[in-house]
Amino acid sequence: MSKERYEKWMRYWDEHPERISAVQFLTNLLSIYFIYAYLDLLFMNRDNDKLIPLLAVPAVAFVLLTLLRAVINGPRPSEVYGIPAAVYRKNSGHSFPSRHTFSAFMIAFSAFYAGFPNWGILLLVLAAAIALMRVISGLHFVSDVTAGALAALAAALIGYGLLF
């Protein structure tokens, strides 16, 4: 995202604070929905051999992604451009890759692994919405959310053995 585009988005949110509140509310609501979706996947697979991978793969991948973020410590758009994001964030850095995006896509891919492709498609669409909202609110660059989604795809393909 260029500085000009970032400035344009942040100016828009300054002029329409009720809309950024709606974006923030939707992001939080979708995040909660993904937690329930994941718990539901675990519950629906509690009696079969997919439960352990559904627990282990996202957990291990999340920890590895968190360690990678700490090493990279990528700046957020507000830090790079010196313009506050539309959504307040008290911490700096740790922007690349996006963990919100990673988690949402990881849960969507987990739905496919668990044998629920229709639910997986819905979750992919909602994960893309989370990624978009993270960018337009100024919390992440497009590269942050793209890397988060690709990291989830790689973790699912490798962790769930879908490549083999």
N, C-alpha and C. Protein backbone atom coordinates (compact mmCIF):
# COMPACT_ATOMS: atom_id res chain seq x y z
N MET A 1 0.85 -1.17 0.00
CA MET A 1 0.00 0.00 0.00
C MET A 1 0.90 1.23 0.00
N SER A 2 0.64 2.13 -0.91
CA SER A 2 1.43 3.35 -0.99
C SER A 2 1.02 4.32 0.12
N LYS A 3 1.90 5.27 0.40
CA LYS A 3 1.59 6.27 1.43
C LYS A 3 0.35 7.06 1.04
N GLU A 4 0.21 7.38 -0.23
CA GLU A 4 -0.95 8.16 -0.69
C GLU A 4 -2.25 7.39 -0.45
N ARG A 5 -2.24 6.11 -0.77
CA ARG A 5 -3.46 5.30 -0.56
C ARG A 5 -3.76 5.17 0.93
N TYR A 6 -2.71 4.96 1.70
CA TYR A 6 -2.89 4.86 3.16
C TYR A 6 -3.47 6.16 3.71
N GLU A 7 -2.91 7.29 3.30
CA GLU A 7 -3.43 8.59 3.76
C GLU A 7 -4.89 8.76 3.37
N LYS A 8 -5.23 8.34 2.16
CA LYS A 8 -6.61 8.46 1.68
C LYS A 8 -7.56 7.65 2.55
N TRP A 9 -7.17 6.40 2.86
CA TRP A 9 -8.01 5.56 3.70
C TRP A 9 -8.16 6.15 5.10
N MET A 10 -7.06 6.60 5.68
CA MET A 10 -7.11 7.13 7.05
C MET A 10 -7.92 8.43 7.09
N ARG A 11 -7.82 9.24 6.05
CA ARG A 11 -8.63 10.47 5.97
C ARG A 11 -10.12 10.10 5.89
N TYR A 12 -10.42 9.08 5.08
CA TYR A 12 -11.81 8.62 4.95
C TYR A 12 -12.36 8.19 6.32
N TRP A 13 -11.57 7.42 7.06
CA TRP A 13 -12.03 6.96 8.37
C TRP A 13 -12.17 8.12 9.33
N ASP A 14 -11.28 9.12 9.25
CA ASP A 14 -11.41 10.30 10.10
C ASP A 14 -12.72 11.04 9.83
N GLU A 15 -13.12 11.06 8.56
CA GLU A 15 -14.36 11.74 8.18
C GLU A 15 -15.60 10.92 8.48
N HIS A 16 -15.44 9.62 8.66
CA HIS A 16 -16.58 8.72 8.90
C HIS A 16 -16.26 7.77 10.07
N PRO A 17 -16.12 8.30 11.28
CA PRO A 17 -15.73 7.44 12.41
C PRO A 17 -16.73 6.33 12.70
N GLU A 18 -17.99 6.54 12.36
CA GLU A 18 -18.98 5.49 12.59
C GLU A 18 -18.72 4.28 11.70
N ARG A 19 -18.15 4.50 10.55
CA ARG A 19 -17.88 3.40 9.63
C ARG A 19 -16.69 2.57 10.09
N ILE A 20 -15.67 3.23 10.60
CA ILE A 20 -14.53 2.44 11.11
C ILE A 20 -14.95 1.67 12.34
N SER A 21 -15.88 2.23 13.11
CA SER A 21 -16.42 1.49 14.26
C SER A 21 -17.12 0.22 13.78
N ALA A 22 -17.84 0.35 12.66
CA ALA A 22 -18.53 -0.82 12.10
C ALA A 22 -17.52 -1.85 11.59
N VAL A 23 -16.45 -1.39 10.95
CA VAL A 23 -15.41 -2.30 10.47
C VAL A 23 -14.76 -3.01 11.65
N GLN A 24 -14.45 -2.26 12.69
CA GLN A 24 -13.84 -2.86 13.88
C GLN A 24 -14.79 -3.86 14.53
N PHE A 25 -16.07 -3.52 14.61
CA PHE A 25 -17.05 -4.43 15.17
C PHE A 25 -17.14 -5.72 14.35
N LEU A 26 -17.18 -5.58 13.01
CA LEU A 26 -17.26 -6.76 12.15
C LEU A 26 -16.01 -7.63 12.27
N THR A 27 -14.86 -7.00 12.36
CA THR A 27 -13.61 -7.76 12.53
C THR A 27 -13.65 -8.55 13.83
N ASN A 28 -14.07 -7.91 14.90
CA ASN A 28 -14.17 -8.60 16.19
C ASN A 28 -15.21 -9.71 16.15
N LEU A 29 -16.35 -9.44 15.53
CA LEU A 29 -17.41 -10.45 15.42
C LEU A 29 -16.94 -11.65 14.62
N LEU A 30 -16.26 -11.40 13.50
CA LEU A 30 -15.75 -12.51 12.69
C LEU A 30 -14.67 -13.28 13.44
N SER A 31 -13.85 -12.60 14.19
CA SER A 31 -12.82 -13.29 14.98
C SER A 31 -13.47 -14.23 15.98
N ILE A 32 -14.52 -13.77 16.63
CA ILE A 32 -15.25 -14.63 17.58
C ILE A 32 -15.90 -15.79 16.84
N TYR A 33 -16.47 -15.52 15.66
CA TYR A 33 -17.09 -16.58 14.88
C TYR A 33 -16.07 -17.67 14.53
N PHE A 34 -14.86 -17.26 14.17
CA PHE A 34 -13.83 -18.24 13.82
C PHE A 34 -13.43 -19.09 15.02
N ILE A 35 -13.42 -18.51 16.19
CA ILE A 35 -13.13 -19.30 17.40
C ILE A 35 -14.21 -20.36 17.59
N TYR A 36 -15.47 -19.96 17.45
CA TYR A 36 -16.56 -20.93 17.59
C TYR A 36 -16.52 -21.97 16.47
N ALA A 37 -16.19 -21.54 15.27
CA ALA A 37 -16.10 -22.49 14.15
C ALA A 37 -15.03 -23.54 14.43
N TYR A 38 -13.89 -23.09 14.94
CA TYR A 38 -12.81 -24.03 15.25
C TYR A 38 -13.22 -24.98 16.37
N LEU A 39 -13.83 -24.45 17.41
CA LEU A 39 -14.28 -25.32 18.50
C LEU A 39 -15.32 -26.31 18.00
N ASP A 40 -16.18 -25.88 17.09
CA ASP A 40 -17.19 -26.77 16.52
C ASP A 40 -16.52 -27.87 15.68
N LEU A 41 -15.49 -27.51 14.92
CA LEU A 41 -14.75 -28.53 14.16
C LEU A 41 -14.15 -29.59 15.10
N LEU A 42 -13.58 -29.11 16.20
CA LEU A 42 -13.01 -30.04 17.17
C LEU A 42 -14.10 -30.94 17.76
N PHE A 43 -15.21 -30.34 18.11
CA PHE A 43 -16.31 -31.12 18.70
C PHE A 43 -16.85 -32.16 17.72
N MET A 44 -17.01 -31.76 16.47
CA MET A 44 -17.55 -32.69 15.48
C MET A 44 -16.59 -33.82 15.15
N ASN A 45 -15.32 -33.65 15.48
CA ASN A 45 -14.31 -34.67 15.18
C ASN A 45 -13.74 -35.31 16.44
N ARG A 46 -14.45 -35.17 17.54
CA ARG A 46 -13.92 -35.65 18.83
C ARG A 46 -13.76 -37.16 18.90
N ASP A 47 -14.48 -37.89 18.07
CA ASP A 47 -14.44 -39.35 18.13
C ASP A 47 -13.73 -39.98 16.93
N ASN A 48 -12.95 -39.20 16.19
CA ASN A 48 -12.26 -39.81 15.06
C ASN A 48 -10.79 -39.42 15.04
N ASP A 49 -10.09 -39.97 14.07
CA ASP A 49 -8.64 -39.79 14.02
C ASP A 49 -8.19 -38.42 13.52
N LYS A 50 -9.12 -37.54 13.19
CA LYS A 50 -8.75 -36.20 12.74
C LYS A 50 -8.60 -35.21 13.90
N LEU A 51 -9.02 -35.59 15.09
CA LEU A 51 -8.99 -34.66 16.22
C LEU A 51 -7.57 -34.21 16.56
N ILE A 52 -6.63 -35.15 16.65
CA ILE A 52 -5.25 -34.79 17.03
C ILE A 52 -4.64 -33.84 15.98
N PRO A 53 -4.73 -34.15 14.68
CA PRO A 53 -4.20 -33.18 13.71
C PRO A 53 -4.92 -31.82 13.77
N LEU A 54 -6.23 -31.83 14.00
CA LEU A 54 -6.97 -30.57 14.08
C LEU A 54 -6.54 -29.73 15.29
N LEU A 55 -6.05 -30.39 16.31
CA LEU A 55 -5.51 -29.67 17.47
C LEU A 55 -4.05 -29.27 17.23
N ALA A 56 -3.26 -30.20 16.76
CA ALA A 56 -1.81 -30.00 16.69
C ALA A 56 -1.36 -29.10 15.56
N VAL A 57 -1.90 -29.29 14.38
CA VAL A 57 -1.41 -28.54 13.22
C VAL A 57 -1.61 -27.03 13.39
N PRO A 58 -2.81 -26.56 13.70
CA PRO A 58 -2.95 -25.11 13.91
C PRO A 58 -2.13 -24.59 15.09
N ALA A 59 -2.04 -25.36 16.16
CA ALA A 59 -1.29 -24.90 17.34
C ALA A 59 0.20 -24.75 17.03
N VAL A 60 0.79 -25.77 16.43
CA VAL A 60 2.21 -25.71 16.10
C VAL A 60 2.47 -24.61 15.08
N ALA A 61 1.61 -24.52 14.07
CA ALA A 61 1.80 -23.49 13.04
C ALA A 61 1.66 -22.09 13.63
N PHE A 62 0.73 -21.91 14.55
CA PHE A 62 0.53 -20.61 15.20
C PHE A 62 1.78 -20.21 16.00
N VAL A 63 2.34 -21.15 16.73
CA VAL A 63 3.54 -20.87 17.51
C VAL A 63 4.70 -20.52 16.57
N LEU A 64 4.88 -21.29 15.51
CA LEU A 64 5.96 -21.01 14.55
C LEU A 64 5.77 -19.64 13.89
N LEU A 65 4.54 -19.32 13.53
CA LEU A 65 4.26 -18.03 12.92
C LEU A 65 4.55 -16.89 13.91
N THR A 66 4.19 -17.09 15.16
CA THR A 66 4.44 -16.07 16.19
C THR A 66 5.93 -15.85 16.37
N LEU A 67 6.71 -16.92 16.37
CA LEU A 67 8.17 -16.80 16.47
C LEU A 67 8.74 -16.07 15.26
N LEU A 68 8.24 -16.39 14.09
CA LEU A 68 8.68 -15.72 12.87
C LEU A 68 8.38 -14.23 12.92
N ARG A 69 7.18 -13.89 13.38
CA ARG A 69 6.81 -12.47 13.53
C ARG A 69 7.75 -11.74 14.48
N ALA A 70 8.11 -12.40 15.56
CA ALA A 70 9.01 -11.77 16.53
C ALA A 70 10.38 -11.52 15.92
N VAL A 71 10.86 -12.45 15.10
CA VAL A 71 12.16 -12.29 14.46
C VAL A 71 12.10 -11.18 13.41
N ILE A 72 11.07 -11.20 12.58
CA ILE A 72 10.94 -10.20 11.51
C ILE A 72 10.60 -8.83 12.09
N ASN A 73 9.66 -8.80 13.03
CA ASN A 73 9.20 -7.57 13.69
C ASN A 73 8.91 -6.47 12.66
N GLY A 74 8.13 -6.82 11.65
CA GLY A 74 7.79 -5.87 10.59
C GLY A 74 6.96 -4.71 11.10
N PRO A 75 7.25 -3.51 10.63
CA PRO A 75 6.49 -2.34 11.07
C PRO A 75 5.09 -2.32 10.47
N ARG A 76 4.21 -1.65 11.15
CA ARG A 76 2.85 -1.47 10.67
C ARG A 76 2.80 -0.23 9.78
N PRO A 77 1.77 -0.11 8.94
CA PRO A 77 1.68 1.07 8.07
C PRO A 77 1.77 2.40 8.84
N SER A 78 1.15 2.46 10.00
CA SER A 78 1.18 3.70 10.78
C SER A 78 2.61 4.08 11.18
N GLU A 79 3.44 3.08 11.42
CA GLU A 79 4.83 3.33 11.78
C GLU A 79 5.65 3.78 10.57
N VAL A 80 5.38 3.15 9.43
CA VAL A 80 6.13 3.47 8.21
C VAL A 80 5.78 4.87 7.72
N TYR A 81 4.48 5.20 7.73
CA TYR A 81 4.03 6.45 7.15
C TYR A 81 3.87 7.59 8.17
N GLY A 82 3.94 7.28 9.46
CA GLY A 82 3.80 8.31 10.47
C GLY A 82 2.40 8.88 10.59
N ILE A 83 1.41 8.08 10.19
CA ILE A 83 0.01 8.50 10.24
C ILE A 83 -0.73 7.46 11.08
N PRO A 84 -1.42 7.86 12.13
CA PRO A 84 -2.10 6.87 12.98
C PRO A 84 -3.09 6.02 12.19
N ALA A 85 -3.17 4.75 12.56
CA ALA A 85 -4.15 3.84 11.96
C ALA A 85 -5.54 4.24 12.43
N ALA A 86 -6.54 3.82 11.69
CA ALA A 86 -7.92 4.12 12.06
C ALA A 86 -8.34 3.38 13.32
N VAL A 87 -7.70 2.26 13.57
CA VAL A 87 -8.00 1.45 14.75
C VAL A 87 -6.79 1.54 15.68
N TYR A 88 -7.03 1.94 16.90
CA TYR A 88 -5.94 2.11 17.86
C TYR A 88 -5.29 0.77 18.16
N ARG A 89 -3.97 0.80 18.23
CA ARG A 89 -3.19 -0.37 18.61
C ARG A 89 -2.05 0.12 19.48
N LYS A 90 -1.96 -0.41 20.70
CA LYS A 90 -0.96 0.11 21.64
C LYS A 90 0.45 -0.38 21.35
N ASN A 91 0.61 -1.52 20.73
CA ASN A 91 1.93 -2.06 20.43
C ASN A 91 2.36 -1.71 19.02
N SER A 92 3.65 -1.68 18.81
CA SER A 92 4.16 -1.43 17.47
C SER A 92 4.82 -2.70 16.94
N GLY A 93 5.10 -2.68 15.64
CA GLY A 93 5.76 -3.82 15.02
C GLY A 93 4.90 -5.07 14.98
N HIS A 94 5.55 -6.18 14.77
CA HIS A 94 4.90 -7.50 14.73
C HIS A 94 3.72 -7.51 13.75
N SER A 95 3.96 -6.95 12.59
CA SER A 95 2.90 -6.85 11.59
C SER A 95 2.97 -7.95 10.54
N PHE A 96 4.16 -8.48 10.30
CA PHE A 96 4.35 -9.45 9.20
C PHE A 96 4.75 -10.80 9.75
N PRO A 97 4.01 -11.84 9.38
CA PRO A 97 2.72 -11.89 8.71
C PRO A 97 1.58 -11.67 9.70
N SER A 98 0.41 -11.39 9.15
CA SER A 98 -0.77 -11.11 9.97
C SER A 98 -1.27 -12.40 10.65
N ARG A 99 -1.31 -12.37 11.98
CA ARG A 99 -1.79 -13.55 12.72
C ARG A 99 -3.30 -13.69 12.64
N HIS A 100 -4.03 -12.57 12.60
CA HIS A 100 -5.50 -12.67 12.44
C HIS A 100 -5.82 -13.39 11.12
N THR A 101 -5.15 -12.95 10.06
CA THR A 101 -5.40 -13.55 8.76
C THR A 101 -4.96 -15.01 8.74
N PHE A 102 -3.78 -15.28 9.28
CA PHE A 102 -3.30 -16.66 9.36
C PHE A 102 -4.32 -17.55 10.08
N SER A 103 -4.77 -17.11 11.24
CA SER A 103 -5.68 -17.93 12.04
C SER A 103 -6.99 -18.19 11.31
N ALA A 104 -7.54 -17.16 10.68
CA ALA A 104 -8.81 -17.34 9.96
C ALA A 104 -8.65 -18.32 8.80
N PHE A 105 -7.60 -18.16 8.02
CA PHE A 105 -7.38 -19.07 6.89
C PHE A 105 -7.04 -20.48 7.39
N MET A 106 -6.30 -20.58 8.48
CA MET A 106 -5.95 -21.90 9.02
C MET A 106 -7.22 -22.65 9.43
N ILE A 107 -8.15 -21.97 10.04
CA ILE A 107 -9.41 -22.60 10.44
C ILE A 107 -10.22 -22.99 9.20
N ALA A 108 -10.22 -22.14 8.19
CA ALA A 108 -10.93 -22.47 6.94
C ALA A 108 -10.34 -23.72 6.30
N PHE A 109 -9.01 -23.79 6.21
CA PHE A 109 -8.38 -24.98 5.63
C PHE A 109 -8.62 -26.21 6.50
N SER A 110 -8.72 -26.01 7.80
CA SER A 110 -9.01 -27.12 8.71
C SER A 110 -10.40 -27.69 8.44
N ALA A 111 -11.33 -26.83 8.06
CA ALA A 111 -12.68 -27.32 7.73
C ALA A 111 -12.63 -28.25 6.52
N PHE A 112 -11.80 -27.91 5.54
CA PHE A 112 -11.64 -28.81 4.38
C PHE A 112 -11.06 -30.15 4.83
N TYR A 113 -10.02 -30.09 5.65
CA TYR A 113 -9.39 -31.32 6.14
C TYR A 113 -10.39 -32.17 6.92
N ALA A 114 -11.24 -31.52 7.70
CA ALA A 114 -12.21 -32.24 8.53
C ALA A 114 -13.36 -32.81 7.71
N GLY A 115 -13.42 -32.49 6.43
CA GLY A 115 -14.46 -33.06 5.57
C GLY A 115 -15.69 -32.20 5.41
N PHE A 116 -15.55 -30.88 5.60
CA PHE A 116 -16.67 -29.96 5.47
C PHE A 116 -16.35 -28.89 4.42
N PRO A 117 -16.33 -29.28 3.14
CA PRO A 117 -15.91 -28.35 2.09
C PRO A 117 -16.81 -27.12 1.95
N ASN A 118 -18.12 -27.28 2.11
CA ASN A 118 -19.01 -26.12 1.99
C ASN A 118 -18.73 -25.11 3.10
N TRP A 119 -18.52 -25.60 4.28
CA TRP A 119 -18.18 -24.73 5.40
C TRP A 119 -16.81 -24.11 5.17
N GLY A 120 -15.89 -24.88 4.61
CA GLY A 120 -14.57 -24.37 4.29
C GLY A 120 -14.62 -23.21 3.32
N ILE A 121 -15.47 -23.32 2.31
CA ILE A 121 -15.61 -22.23 1.33
C ILE A 121 -16.15 -20.97 2.00
N LEU A 122 -17.18 -21.14 2.83
CA LEU A 122 -17.72 -19.98 3.57
C LEU A 122 -16.64 -19.35 4.44
N LEU A 123 -15.88 -20.18 5.14
CA LEU A 123 -14.83 -19.66 6.01
C LEU A 123 -13.72 -18.98 5.22
N LEU A 124 -13.41 -19.47 4.02
CA LEU A 124 -12.41 -18.80 3.18
C LEU A 124 -12.88 -17.39 2.80
N VAL A 125 -14.15 -17.27 2.47
CA VAL A 125 -14.70 -15.94 2.12
C VAL A 125 -14.62 -15.01 3.34
N LEU A 126 -14.98 -15.53 4.50
CA LEU A 126 -14.93 -14.72 5.72
C LEU A 126 -13.49 -14.39 6.11
N ALA A 127 -12.57 -15.31 5.87
CA ALA A 127 -11.16 -15.05 6.15
C ALA A 127 -10.64 -13.93 5.24
N ALA A 128 -11.05 -13.96 3.99
CA ALA A 128 -10.66 -12.88 3.07
C ALA A 128 -11.23 -11.54 3.54
N ALA A 129 -12.43 -11.57 4.09
CA ALA A 129 -13.03 -10.33 4.62
C ALA A 129 -12.21 -9.80 5.80
N ILE A 130 -11.76 -10.70 6.67
CA ILE A 130 -10.92 -10.27 7.79
C ILE A 130 -9.63 -9.65 7.26
N ALA A 131 -9.01 -10.29 6.28
CA ALA A 131 -7.77 -9.76 5.70
C ALA A 131 -8.01 -8.36 5.13
N LEU A 132 -9.08 -8.20 4.39
CA LEU A 132 -9.40 -6.89 3.81
C LEU A 132 -9.60 -5.84 4.90
N MET A 133 -10.33 -6.19 5.93
CA MET A 133 -10.59 -5.23 7.01
C MET A 133 -9.32 -4.86 7.76
N ARG A 134 -8.39 -5.78 7.88
CA ARG A 134 -7.11 -5.49 8.53
C ARG A 134 -6.30 -4.47 7.72
N VAL A 135 -6.42 -4.56 6.39
CA VAL A 135 -5.69 -3.64 5.53
C VAL A 135 -6.37 -2.26 5.51
N ILE A 136 -7.68 -2.22 5.27
CA ILE A 136 -8.34 -0.92 5.12
C ILE A 136 -8.42 -0.15 6.43
N SER A 137 -8.26 -0.82 7.56
CA SER A 137 -8.25 -0.11 8.83
C SER A 137 -6.85 0.40 9.18
N GLY A 138 -5.88 0.07 8.34
CA GLY A 138 -4.53 0.58 8.52
C GLY A 138 -3.65 -0.24 9.44
N LEU A 139 -4.10 -1.42 9.83
CA LEU A 139 -3.32 -2.25 10.75
C LEU A 139 -2.25 -3.07 10.04
N HIS A 140 -2.47 -3.37 8.76
CA HIS A 140 -1.54 -4.23 8.02
C HIS A 140 -1.36 -3.75 6.60
N PHE A 141 -0.23 -4.10 6.04
CA PHE A 141 0.00 -3.97 4.61
C PHE A 141 -0.63 -5.17 3.92
N VAL A 142 -0.87 -5.05 2.62
CA VAL A 142 -1.38 -6.18 1.83
C VAL A 142 -0.41 -7.36 1.94
N SER A 143 0.88 -7.09 1.94
CA SER A 143 1.88 -8.17 2.04
C SER A 143 1.75 -8.92 3.37
N ASP A 144 1.36 -8.24 4.45
CA ASP A 144 1.19 -8.90 5.75
C ASP A 144 0.07 -9.93 5.71
N VAL A 145 -1.07 -9.53 5.15
CA VAL A 145 -2.21 -10.45 5.13
C VAL A 145 -2.02 -11.54 4.08
N THR A 146 -1.37 -11.20 2.98
CA THR A 146 -1.07 -12.22 1.96
C THR A 146 -0.15 -13.29 2.54
N ALA A 147 0.89 -12.84 3.25
CA ALA A 147 1.81 -13.80 3.87
C ALA A 147 1.09 -14.64 4.92
N GLY A 148 0.19 -14.05 5.68
CA GLY A 148 -0.58 -14.81 6.67
C GLY A 148 -1.42 -15.89 6.02
N ALA A 149 -2.09 -15.54 4.91
CA ALA A 149 -2.93 -16.52 4.21
C ALA A 149 -2.07 -17.64 3.59
N LEU A 150 -0.95 -17.26 2.98
CA LEU A 150 -0.07 -18.26 2.37
C LEU A 150 0.59 -19.16 3.42
N ALA A 151 0.91 -18.58 4.59
CA ALA A 151 1.47 -19.40 5.67
C ALA A 151 0.45 -20.42 6.15
N ALA A 152 -0.81 -20.02 6.22
CA ALA A 152 -1.87 -20.96 6.61
C ALA A 152 -2.03 -22.06 5.58
N LEU A 153 -1.98 -21.69 4.31
CA LEU A 153 -2.09 -22.69 3.25
C LEU A 153 -0.93 -23.68 3.33
N ALA A 154 0.28 -23.17 3.50
CA ALA A 154 1.45 -24.05 3.60
C ALA A 154 1.33 -24.96 4.82
N ALA A 155 0.93 -24.40 5.95
CA ALA A 155 0.78 -25.20 7.17
C ALA A 155 -0.27 -26.29 6.99
N ALA A 156 -1.37 -25.96 6.33
CA ALA A 156 -2.42 -26.96 6.11
C ALA A 156 -1.94 -28.05 5.15
N LEU A 157 -1.30 -27.65 4.07
CA LEU A 157 -0.83 -28.64 3.09
C LEU A 157 0.21 -29.57 3.69
N ILE A 158 1.13 -29.01 4.45
CA ILE A 158 2.19 -29.83 5.06
C ILE A 158 1.66 -30.56 6.29
N GLY A 159 1.02 -29.82 7.17
CA GLY A 159 0.58 -30.40 8.45
C GLY A 159 -0.50 -31.45 8.31
N TYR A 160 -1.44 -31.22 7.41
CA TYR A 160 -2.50 -32.20 7.25
C TYR A 160 -2.14 -33.26 6.21
N GLY A 161 -0.93 -33.17 5.68
CA GLY A 161 -0.48 -34.18 4.72
C GLY A 161 -1.23 -34.15 3.40
N LEU A 162 -1.75 -32.99 3.05
CA LEU A 162 -2.52 -32.91 1.81
C LEU A 162 -1.63 -32.91 0.58
N LEU A 163 -0.33 -32.72 0.78
CA LEU A 163 0.58 -32.76 -0.36
C LEU A 163 1.01 -34.19 -0.70
N PHE A 164 0.80 -35.11 0.22
CA PHE A 164 1.34 -36.46 0.04
C PHE A 164 0.25 -37.46 -0.21
